[in-house]
Amino acid sequence: MDSAPFLFMIRDTSTGRILFIGRLNDPSER
């Protein structure tokens, strides 16, 4: 396994509910 990818999360501030979780790969890998 390589280094951990960039993780990002979109969360509703009022309810604290997680709306979206995504992953961004490091552009320097390619």
Protein backbone atom coordinates (compact mmCIF):
# COMPACT_ATOMS: atom_id res chain seq x y z
CA MET A 1 0.00 0.00 0.00
CA ASP A 2 1.15 3.51 -0.77
CA SER A 3 0.67 6.67 1.26
CA ALA A 4 -2.85 7.42 2.45
CA PRO A 5 -4.95 9.37 -0.05
CA PHE A 6 -6.51 12.72 0.75
CA LEU A 7 -9.81 12.24 2.52
CA PHE A 8 -12.53 14.85 2.61
CA MET A 9 -15.94 14.91 4.21
CA ILE A 10 -19.01 17.10 3.74
CA ARG A 11 -21.01 17.36 6.95
CA ASP A 12 -24.23 19.13 7.81
CA THR A 13 -23.37 21.66 10.50
CA SER A 14 -26.88 21.82 11.94
CA THR A 15 -27.49 18.10 12.41
CA GLY A 16 -23.90 16.89 12.38
CA ARG A 17 -24.94 14.28 9.84
CA ILE A 18 -22.36 13.23 7.29
CA LEU A 19 -23.57 14.06 3.79
CA PHE A 20 -20.64 12.88 1.72
CA ILE A 21 -17.29 11.15 2.15
CA GLY A 22 -14.87 11.12 -0.73
CA ARG A 23 -11.28 10.41 -1.61
CA LEU A 24 -8.83 12.44 -3.64
CA ASN A 25 -5.78 10.64 -4.99
CA ASP A 26 -2.43 12.39 -4.90
CA PRO A 27 -1.90 13.93 -8.36
CA SER A 28 1.87 13.50 -7.98
CA GLU A 29 1.50 9.71 -8.15
CA ARG A 30 0.94 9.88 -11.91
